[in-house]
Amino acid sequence: MTATGSCLKGLQCRGCGAEMGADAPVGTCPSCGGALFATYDLGSLDARRWWRSLPARPGHLWRFRELLPVRDDSHLVTLGEGGSAILDMGRLPDTGDLRLLLKDDGGLPTGSFKARGMAVAVSRARELGLSSLFVPSAGNAGVALAAYAARARMKARIYLPETTPGPMQRACACYGAGVITVQGTIRDAGERARREETGQGSFDVSTLREPYRAEGKKTMGLEIVQALGAEGMPDAVVYPAGGGTGLVGMHLAFEQLTSLGLIKRVPRLLAVQPEGCAPLVRALRDGTARVTPWESPHTLAPGLLVPAPFCSERVLEAVRATRGGGTTVSDAAILAAVEALGRDYGVSVSPEGAAPFAALPALLQEGLLRPGERVLLYNTGSGIPFL
C-alpha cells in the first residue's frame, strides 16, 4: 500500500456550512440534506512544483491525485479514464468568427465523461469499505457505474427509465450489474431506487448525493488548464447540462487552482439545455436560487432529460460565479449538430455532446458569447452505440 499524497481534509456543506470528517461513508449533509463537497489542505501543497510534475505522470486522471480524495493507491479503480483530447476546430465565420476548441470525452472508457466521476466515486467507496452501490441514470452514468463496479469487484444496481436506449441497457447488464427499468423520467427512477434500496446495505452514488463524483468531474477543469495553460484559457466553456455536476466540478477545479495561485482568469461557464427540459436555464434567466421542476419534460437527448436536478443551487452558483449563463436548443438543432460534427469535423458526438455546437448561434444572439472569442465546447459522450 502506498499513500497517494491526497490533501483531503474533510467534507463541507456549502448550503448550511456544516463540516465533518471524511473517514466514513456519507451521502448528503446530515444537517440540511444538501450536497457535501470534499475539502483539501491546499496549504500543504507546493503548488508550482506539483504543477510542473504533472506532465511526467501517466495521462489518466489520477495524475491529479493530490487534489483527489483517495488516500491509498491500493484502492484506485481505473480503466485509464481522463486525458481526453482538446481538438482545434478552427474559426467559424458563420458564428461570429468564433475560435472553437472541443474537448472530446467520447473516447473515455464506457464512452462518456461519466467515467470520470464513477472512477473516483467507486474508488473512494472501496476505500471506505462499501461493497454494493446503486444509481438512477438516464444511461451513461449507469454504464459507467456498472463497468467500474465490475472492475472493483463490487455489486451494482442501475435504475433506468424504460425509454433508455437499448444499447445502454444491454451494456449495463453486460458488465454484470442488476438493471431495473422504471416508467417515467430519471426523477421517477431515483424515487424508486431510493425506496427499494432502503435497508439493503447499498450506497447511493447519484449526482451530488455523495461527495466524490463531483471530484472526478473536477478533473475536466484541471485538464483544460493543464492542456491550454493559464495564458491560453478559453473565454467560455459551453457545456450540455442535465444534472449539472460537470459545471460544479469545473468550477471546483478553477476555484482550487486560483487559490493555489496557478491561474488568475477563469472561463465563463455556459449551460445548454433542450427546449423541452430546461430547468437550469429557466432559473438562470429568472434569477432564482434553485430550479422548479420542469413540466412535461421531453427531448431526444436522454442525458439532458433531468426535470429537477438535485441540489440545483450549487449548479446555478457555479455558473453565476463565473459570470456565465445558459440557453436552450431545439431537438432539430441538436440532430443537425450531430450530423455536422461528424461530417465536417470527424467527431462522433452523442445528442448531449452536440448541444453546445447547436447552441452557438443563440449564445451569440443573446450576448453570452462575443464575436472573435475563444470558446471550448465540451463533448460529453460518443455517438457510437455501445453494442
Protein backbone atom coordinates (compact mmCIF):
# COMPACT_ATOMS: atom_id res chain seq x y z
CA MET A 1 0.00 0.00 0.00
CA THR A 2 1.29 3.43 -0.99
CA ALA A 3 -0.08 6.80 0.02
CA THR A 4 -1.32 8.87 -2.91
CA GLY A 5 -0.39 12.16 -1.25
CA SER A 6 -4.03 13.28 -1.26
CA CYS A 7 -4.54 16.57 0.56
CA LEU A 8 -8.09 15.55 1.51
CA LYS A 9 -9.08 17.25 4.76
CA GLY A 10 -12.79 16.69 5.26
CA LEU A 11 -16.28 17.39 3.95
CA GLN A 12 -18.30 20.59 3.88
CA CYS A 13 -21.87 21.55 3.03
CA ARG A 14 -21.98 24.77 1.05
CA GLY A 15 -25.63 25.17 1.93
CA CYS A 16 -25.56 25.31 5.72
CA GLY A 17 -21.81 25.43 6.28
CA ALA A 18 -21.63 22.15 8.24
CA GLU A 19 -18.21 20.49 8.33
CA MET A 20 -17.34 16.89 9.12
CA GLY A 21 -14.66 14.27 8.70
CA ALA A 22 -14.27 12.16 5.58
CA ASP A 23 -13.34 8.84 7.18
CA ALA A 24 -16.79 7.20 7.00
CA PRO A 25 -19.31 6.77 4.17
CA VAL A 26 -21.76 9.66 3.99
CA GLY A 27 -24.26 10.79 1.39
CA THR A 28 -25.89 14.18 1.79
CA CYS A 29 -25.46 16.69 4.60
CA PRO A 30 -26.95 15.26 7.82
CA SER A 31 -27.94 18.78 8.92
CA CYS A 32 -29.78 20.15 5.87
CA GLY A 33 -29.83 17.39 3.24
CA GLY A 34 -27.69 19.39 0.80
CA ALA A 35 -24.67 18.25 -1.18
CA LEU A 36 -21.37 17.65 0.59
CA PHE A 37 -18.05 18.56 -1.01
CA ALA A 38 -14.53 17.39 -0.27
CA THR A 39 -12.16 19.97 1.20
CA TYR A 40 -8.38 19.94 0.85
CA ASP A 41 -5.42 21.27 2.79
CA LEU A 42 -4.15 23.37 -0.11
CA GLY A 43 -1.54 25.00 2.08
CA SER A 44 0.30 21.69 2.39
CA LEU A 45 0.88 21.52 -1.37
CA ASP A 46 3.89 23.11 -3.08
CA ALA A 47 1.65 24.22 -5.93
CA ARG A 48 4.16 25.22 -8.59
CA ARG A 49 6.39 22.21 -8.01
CA TRP A 50 3.33 19.94 -8.11
CA TRP A 51 2.07 21.55 -11.32
CA ARG A 52 5.47 21.12 -13.01
CA SER A 53 5.48 17.43 -12.08
CA LEU A 54 2.22 16.61 -13.87
CA PRO A 55 3.48 16.18 -17.47
CA ALA A 56 5.78 13.34 -16.38
CA ARG A 57 2.93 11.40 -14.79
CA PRO A 58 0.60 8.88 -16.50
CA GLY A 59 -2.06 10.52 -18.63
CA HIS A 60 -5.10 9.26 -16.72
CA LEU A 61 -6.97 11.48 -14.26
CA TRP A 62 -5.14 10.06 -11.21
CA ARG A 63 -2.15 12.22 -12.10
CA PHE A 64 -4.03 14.87 -10.12
CA ARG A 65 -4.07 12.53 -7.09
CA GLU A 66 -3.13 15.23 -4.55
CA LEU A 67 -6.40 17.03 -5.31
CA LEU A 68 -8.47 13.83 -5.39
CA PRO A 69 -9.98 12.11 -2.34
CA VAL A 70 -8.41 8.61 -2.41
CA ARG A 71 -5.60 8.31 0.14
CA ASP A 72 -4.22 4.83 -0.59
CA ASP A 73 -3.39 3.78 -4.13
CA SER A 74 -4.37 0.17 -3.45
CA HIS A 75 -7.98 1.34 -3.64
CA LEU A 76 -7.72 3.09 -7.01
CA VAL A 77 -10.13 1.71 -9.60
CA THR A 78 -9.13 2.73 -13.09
CA LEU A 79 -9.83 1.87 -16.71
CA GLY A 80 -7.45 4.57 -18.00
CA GLU A 81 -10.01 7.41 -17.81
CA GLY A 82 -9.05 11.05 -18.32
CA GLY A 83 -6.60 12.80 -20.62
CA SER A 84 -9.11 13.37 -23.43
CA ALA A 85 -8.04 15.39 -26.43
CA ILE A 86 -8.78 19.07 -26.99
CA LEU A 87 -9.34 19.50 -30.72
CA ASP A 88 -8.79 22.75 -32.60
CA MET A 89 -11.96 23.30 -34.62
CA GLY A 90 -10.74 26.49 -36.26
CA ARG A 91 -12.72 29.66 -36.84
CA LEU A 92 -16.40 29.66 -37.77
CA PRO A 93 -17.22 32.76 -39.85
CA ASP A 94 -20.94 31.95 -39.79
CA THR A 95 -20.93 32.03 -36.00
CA GLY A 96 -19.26 35.36 -35.29
CA ASP A 97 -15.74 34.22 -36.28
CA LEU A 98 -15.52 32.30 -33.02
CA ARG A 99 -12.32 30.36 -32.41
CA LEU A 100 -13.53 26.93 -31.41
CA LEU A 101 -11.96 24.16 -29.39
CA LEU A 102 -13.67 20.88 -28.49
CA LYS A 103 -12.77 18.66 -25.55
CA ASP A 104 -13.77 15.16 -26.56
CA ASP A 105 -14.73 12.86 -23.70
CA GLY A 106 -16.40 10.50 -26.14
CA GLY A 107 -13.24 8.41 -26.21
CA LEU A 108 -13.16 7.74 -22.48
CA PRO A 109 -13.90 4.27 -21.06
CA THR A 110 -17.63 3.46 -21.36
CA GLY A 111 -17.91 6.21 -23.99
CA SER A 112 -18.65 9.28 -21.88
CA PHE A 113 -17.46 11.76 -19.27
CA LYS A 114 -19.36 9.77 -16.64
CA ALA A 115 -16.26 7.58 -16.38
CA ARG A 116 -14.51 10.43 -14.54
CA GLY A 117 -16.98 10.71 -11.71
CA MET A 118 -17.57 6.99 -11.32
CA ALA A 119 -13.85 6.16 -11.26
CA VAL A 120 -13.37 8.45 -8.28
CA ALA A 121 -16.67 7.62 -6.54
CA VAL A 122 -16.14 3.86 -6.81
CA SER A 123 -12.50 4.13 -5.72
CA ARG A 124 -13.45 6.15 -2.66
CA ALA A 125 -16.37 3.80 -1.90
CA ARG A 126 -13.98 0.86 -1.92
CA GLU A 127 -11.54 2.74 0.34
CA LEU A 128 -14.39 3.37 2.79
CA GLY A 129 -15.33 -0.32 2.88
CA LEU A 130 -18.52 -0.27 0.79
CA SER A 131 -19.42 -3.27 -1.36
CA SER A 132 -22.78 -2.51 -3.00
CA LEU A 133 -23.69 0.60 -4.99
CA PHE A 134 -26.73 1.80 -6.91
CA VAL A 135 -27.64 4.73 -9.14
CA PRO A 136 -30.64 6.04 -11.09
CA SER A 137 -29.43 7.01 -14.54
CA ALA A 138 -30.50 8.16 -17.97
CA GLY A 139 -27.92 5.75 -19.39
CA ASN A 140 -24.29 6.86 -19.39
CA ALA A 141 -23.85 7.06 -15.61
CA GLY A 142 -25.35 3.60 -15.28
CA VAL A 143 -22.98 2.14 -17.84
CA ALA A 144 -20.03 3.79 -16.08
CA LEU A 145 -21.03 2.54 -12.63
CA ALA A 146 -21.57 -0.96 -13.97
CA ALA A 147 -18.10 -1.01 -15.51
CA TYR A 148 -16.22 0.45 -12.55
CA ALA A 149 -18.11 -1.69 -10.04
CA ALA A 150 -17.14 -4.76 -12.09
CA ARG A 151 -13.52 -3.61 -12.08
CA ALA A 152 -13.68 -3.15 -8.30
CA ARG A 153 -15.48 -6.49 -7.70
CA MET A 154 -18.44 -4.63 -6.20
CA LYS A 155 -22.15 -5.13 -6.71
CA ALA A 156 -24.10 -2.52 -8.68
CA ARG A 157 -27.76 -1.95 -9.48
CA ILE A 158 -28.83 0.51 -12.15
CA TYR A 159 -32.31 2.07 -12.26
CA LEU A 160 -33.11 3.26 -15.79
CA PRO A 161 -36.14 4.96 -17.33
CA GLU A 162 -37.80 2.43 -19.61
CA THR A 163 -37.13 4.78 -22.55
CA THR A 164 -33.35 4.43 -22.08
CA PRO A 165 -31.80 3.30 -25.39
CA GLY A 166 -31.48 -0.46 -25.64
CA PRO A 167 -27.69 -0.46 -26.16
CA MET A 168 -27.22 1.30 -22.82
CA GLN A 169 -29.49 -1.14 -21.01
CA ARG A 170 -27.61 -4.08 -22.51
CA ALA A 171 -24.23 -2.53 -21.70
CA CYS A 172 -25.13 -2.25 -18.01
CA ALA A 173 -26.17 -5.89 -17.98
CA CYS A 174 -23.04 -6.99 -19.85
CA TYR A 175 -20.89 -5.54 -17.04
CA GLY A 176 -22.82 -7.70 -14.59
CA ALA A 177 -24.96 -5.03 -12.96
CA GLY A 178 -28.56 -5.53 -11.99
CA VAL A 179 -30.81 -3.48 -14.30
CA ILE A 180 -34.21 -2.21 -13.20
CA THR A 181 -36.33 -0.27 -15.70
CA VAL A 182 -38.79 2.32 -14.45
CA GLN A 183 -41.71 4.05 -16.14
CA GLY A 184 -41.15 7.80 -16.38
CA THR A 185 -38.07 10.03 -16.17
CA ILE A 186 -34.82 9.82 -14.23
CA ARG A 187 -36.63 11.56 -11.39
CA ASP A 188 -39.04 8.63 -11.19
CA ALA A 189 -36.11 6.21 -11.40
CA GLY A 190 -34.45 7.99 -8.50
CA GLU A 191 -37.55 7.83 -6.33
CA ARG A 192 -37.97 4.11 -6.94
CA ALA A 193 -34.27 3.42 -6.42
CA ARG A 194 -34.14 5.12 -3.03
CA ARG A 195 -37.39 3.45 -2.00
CA GLU A 196 -36.28 -0.06 -2.94
CA GLU A 197 -32.67 0.25 -1.73
CA THR A 198 -33.55 1.50 1.76
CA GLY A 199 -32.36 -1.02 4.29
CA GLN A 200 -30.46 -3.13 1.75
CA GLY A 201 -26.97 -2.05 2.81
CA SER A 202 -26.30 -0.38 -0.54
CA PHE A 203 -24.96 3.11 -1.18
CA ASP A 204 -26.40 5.77 -3.48
CA VAL A 205 -23.90 7.30 -5.93
CA SER A 206 -26.42 9.61 -7.61
CA THR A 207 -25.34 13.03 -8.84
CA LEU A 208 -24.40 15.21 -5.84
CA ARG A 209 -25.98 12.74 -3.39
CA GLU A 210 -22.47 11.62 -2.40
CA PRO A 211 -19.33 13.80 -2.21
CA TYR A 212 -16.96 12.19 -4.68
CA ARG A 213 -18.44 12.04 -8.19
CA ALA A 214 -18.02 15.81 -8.36
CA GLU A 215 -14.34 15.29 -7.55
CA GLY A 216 -14.00 13.14 -10.65
CA LYS A 217 -15.78 15.78 -12.71
CA LYS A 218 -13.30 18.32 -11.30
CA THR A 219 -10.64 16.73 -13.50
CA MET A 220 -12.44 18.19 -16.53
CA GLY A 221 -11.36 21.65 -15.41
CA LEU A 222 -7.91 20.54 -14.26
CA GLU A 223 -7.24 19.03 -17.69
CA ILE A 224 -8.40 22.14 -19.52
CA VAL A 225 -5.94 24.27 -17.57
CA GLN A 226 -3.08 21.80 -17.90
CA ALA A 227 -3.58 21.42 -21.66
CA LEU A 228 -4.06 25.11 -22.51
CA GLY A 229 -2.05 26.81 -19.78
CA ALA A 230 -3.02 29.76 -17.64
CA GLU A 231 -2.48 32.15 -20.55
CA GLY A 232 -4.38 30.03 -23.07
CA MET A 233 -7.63 29.63 -21.21
CA PRO A 234 -10.78 29.96 -23.33
CA ASP A 235 -13.14 32.86 -22.78
CA ALA A 236 -16.02 30.44 -22.24
CA VAL A 237 -16.78 26.73 -21.83
CA VAL A 238 -20.09 25.62 -23.35
CA TYR A 239 -21.45 22.56 -21.62
CA PRO A 240 -24.58 20.35 -22.05
CA ALA A 241 -26.28 20.31 -18.65
CA GLY A 242 -28.54 17.56 -17.38
CA GLY A 243 -27.86 17.18 -13.66
CA GLY A 244 -25.15 19.82 -13.99
CA THR A 245 -22.40 18.12 -11.98
CA GLY A 246 -19.84 18.85 -14.68
CA LEU A 247 -20.40 22.58 -14.21
CA VAL A 248 -19.93 22.17 -10.46
CA GLY A 249 -16.79 20.09 -11.00
CA MET A 250 -15.14 22.55 -13.38
CA HIS A 251 -15.93 25.40 -11.02
CA LEU A 252 -14.33 23.48 -8.14
CA ALA A 253 -11.19 22.99 -10.26
CA PHE A 254 -10.95 26.66 -11.19
CA GLU A 255 -11.54 27.69 -7.57
CA GLN A 256 -8.75 25.46 -6.27
CA LEU A 257 -6.26 26.40 -8.98
CA THR A 258 -6.97 30.07 -8.32
CA SER A 259 -6.40 29.54 -4.58
CA LEU A 260 -3.10 27.82 -5.39
CA GLY A 261 -2.02 30.83 -7.48
CA LEU A 262 -1.83 28.80 -10.69
CA ILE A 263 -4.45 30.75 -12.65
CA LYS A 264 -5.85 34.26 -12.43
CA ARG A 265 -8.65 34.17 -15.00
CA VAL A 266 -11.40 31.57 -15.38
CA PRO A 267 -13.71 30.99 -18.36
CA ARG A 268 -17.41 31.73 -18.23
CA LEU A 269 -19.44 28.57 -17.81
CA LEU A 270 -22.40 28.40 -20.20
CA ALA A 271 -25.09 25.76 -19.74
CA VAL A 272 -27.05 24.38 -22.70
CA GLN A 273 -30.33 22.51 -22.25
CA PRO A 274 -33.03 21.30 -24.68
CA GLU A 275 -36.14 23.41 -25.15
CA GLY A 276 -38.26 20.55 -23.81
CA CYS A 277 -36.39 20.28 -20.50
CA ALA A 278 -34.54 23.39 -19.34
CA PRO A 279 -34.98 23.91 -15.59
CA LEU A 280 -31.45 25.27 -15.05
CA VAL A 281 -31.64 27.76 -17.92
CA ARG A 282 -35.05 28.95 -16.73
CA ALA A 283 -33.67 29.52 -13.24
CA LEU A 284 -30.66 31.40 -14.63
CA ARG A 285 -32.91 33.66 -16.66
CA ASP A 286 -35.35 34.20 -13.81
CA GLY A 287 -32.64 34.87 -11.24
CA THR A 288 -33.89 32.21 -8.82
CA ALA A 289 -31.63 30.40 -6.35
CA ARG A 290 -32.86 26.91 -7.34
CA VAL A 291 -34.89 25.27 -10.08
CA THR A 292 -38.55 24.43 -10.14
CA PRO A 293 -39.31 21.05 -11.74
CA TRP A 294 -39.89 21.17 -15.49
CA GLU A 295 -43.40 20.30 -16.55
CA SER A 296 -43.91 17.59 -19.21
CA PRO A 297 -40.18 17.14 -19.98
CA HIS A 298 -39.21 15.81 -23.39
CA THR A 299 -36.11 15.64 -25.58
CA LEU A 300 -34.31 13.15 -27.79
CA ALA A 301 -31.15 13.56 -25.65
CA PRO A 302 -31.71 11.18 -22.71
CA GLY A 303 -28.83 12.56 -20.65
CA LEU A 304 -30.44 16.01 -20.70
CA LEU A 305 -33.87 14.77 -19.63
CA VAL A 306 -33.45 15.84 -15.99
CA PRO A 307 -36.54 17.82 -14.97
CA ALA A 308 -35.41 18.60 -11.40
CA PRO A 309 -31.62 18.44 -10.85
CA PHE A 310 -30.74 17.64 -7.25
CA CYS A 311 -29.07 20.49 -5.31
CA SER A 312 -29.55 22.80 -8.28
CA GLU A 313 -28.49 25.80 -6.20
CA ARG A 314 -24.88 24.56 -6.35
CA VAL A 315 -25.07 24.25 -10.15
CA LEU A 316 -26.54 27.74 -10.54
CA GLU A 317 -23.96 29.09 -8.10
CA ALA A 318 -21.13 27.65 -10.22
CA VAL A 319 -22.43 29.27 -13.41
CA ARG A 320 -23.06 32.65 -11.79
CA ALA A 321 -19.69 32.70 -10.06
CA THR A 322 -18.01 32.71 -13.48
CA ARG A 323 -20.34 35.37 -14.91
CA GLY A 324 -21.83 32.70 -17.15
CA GLY A 325 -25.36 31.91 -18.27
CA GLY A 326 -27.36 29.48 -20.34
CA THR A 327 -29.55 28.94 -23.36
CA THR A 328 -31.79 26.31 -24.95
CA VAL A 329 -31.72 24.45 -28.26
CA SER A 330 -34.33 22.51 -30.20
CA ASP A 331 -34.09 18.77 -30.80
CA ALA A 332 -33.90 19.52 -34.53
CA ALA A 333 -30.85 21.73 -33.98
CA ILE A 334 -29.23 19.00 -31.86
CA LEU A 335 -29.70 16.43 -34.63
CA ALA A 336 -28.26 18.83 -37.21
CA ALA A 337 -25.25 19.41 -34.97
CA VAL A 338 -24.65 15.65 -34.58
CA GLU A 339 -24.51 15.37 -38.36
CA ALA A 340 -22.37 18.48 -38.87
CA LEU A 341 -19.75 17.50 -36.30
CA GLY A 342 -19.45 14.04 -37.82
CA ARG A 343 -19.50 15.12 -41.46
CA ASP A 344 -17.39 18.28 -41.27
CA TYR A 345 -15.03 17.53 -38.37
CA GLY A 346 -14.87 13.74 -37.99
CA VAL A 347 -16.06 13.92 -34.40
CA SER A 348 -18.61 11.40 -33.13
CA VAL A 349 -20.90 13.05 -30.59
CA SER A 350 -23.97 11.97 -28.70
CA PRO A 351 -27.05 14.22 -28.87
CA GLU A 352 -26.00 15.63 -25.48
CA GLY A 353 -22.49 16.35 -26.76
CA ALA A 354 -23.86 18.06 -29.88
CA ALA A 355 -25.94 20.56 -27.90
CA PRO A 356 -23.08 23.06 -27.26
CA PHE A 357 -22.32 23.30 -31.00
CA ALA A 358 -26.02 23.67 -31.77
CA ALA A 359 -26.28 26.49 -29.23
CA LEU A 360 -23.61 28.78 -30.71
CA PRO A 361 -26.00 31.00 -32.75
CA ALA A 362 -28.30 31.52 -29.77
CA LEU A 363 -25.40 32.24 -27.41
CA LEU A 364 -24.13 34.91 -29.81
CA GLN A 365 -27.57 36.41 -30.33
CA GLU A 366 -28.16 36.59 -26.57
CA GLY A 367 -24.76 38.19 -25.93
CA LEU A 368 -23.44 35.28 -23.88
CA LEU A 369 -20.68 34.87 -26.47
CA ARG A 370 -18.99 37.65 -28.39
CA PRO A 371 -17.55 37.54 -31.94
CA GLY A 372 -13.92 36.51 -32.05
CA GLU A 373 -13.87 34.86 -28.62
CA ARG A 374 -12.06 31.59 -27.94
CA VAL A 375 -14.68 29.04 -26.94
CA LEU A 376 -14.33 25.47 -25.72
CA LEU A 377 -17.20 23.11 -26.47
CA TYR A 378 -17.48 20.11 -24.17
CA ASN A 379 -18.47 16.85 -25.86
CA THR A 380 -19.61 14.60 -23.04
CA GLY A 381 -20.10 11.37 -24.98
CA SER A 382 -19.60 9.37 -28.14
CA GLY A 383 -22.34 8.96 -30.71
CA ILE A 384 -21.26 5.39 -31.45
CA PRO A 385 -23.59 2.81 -29.83
CA PHE A 386 -22.11 0.65 -27.12
CA LEU A 387 -23.28 -2.62 -28.59
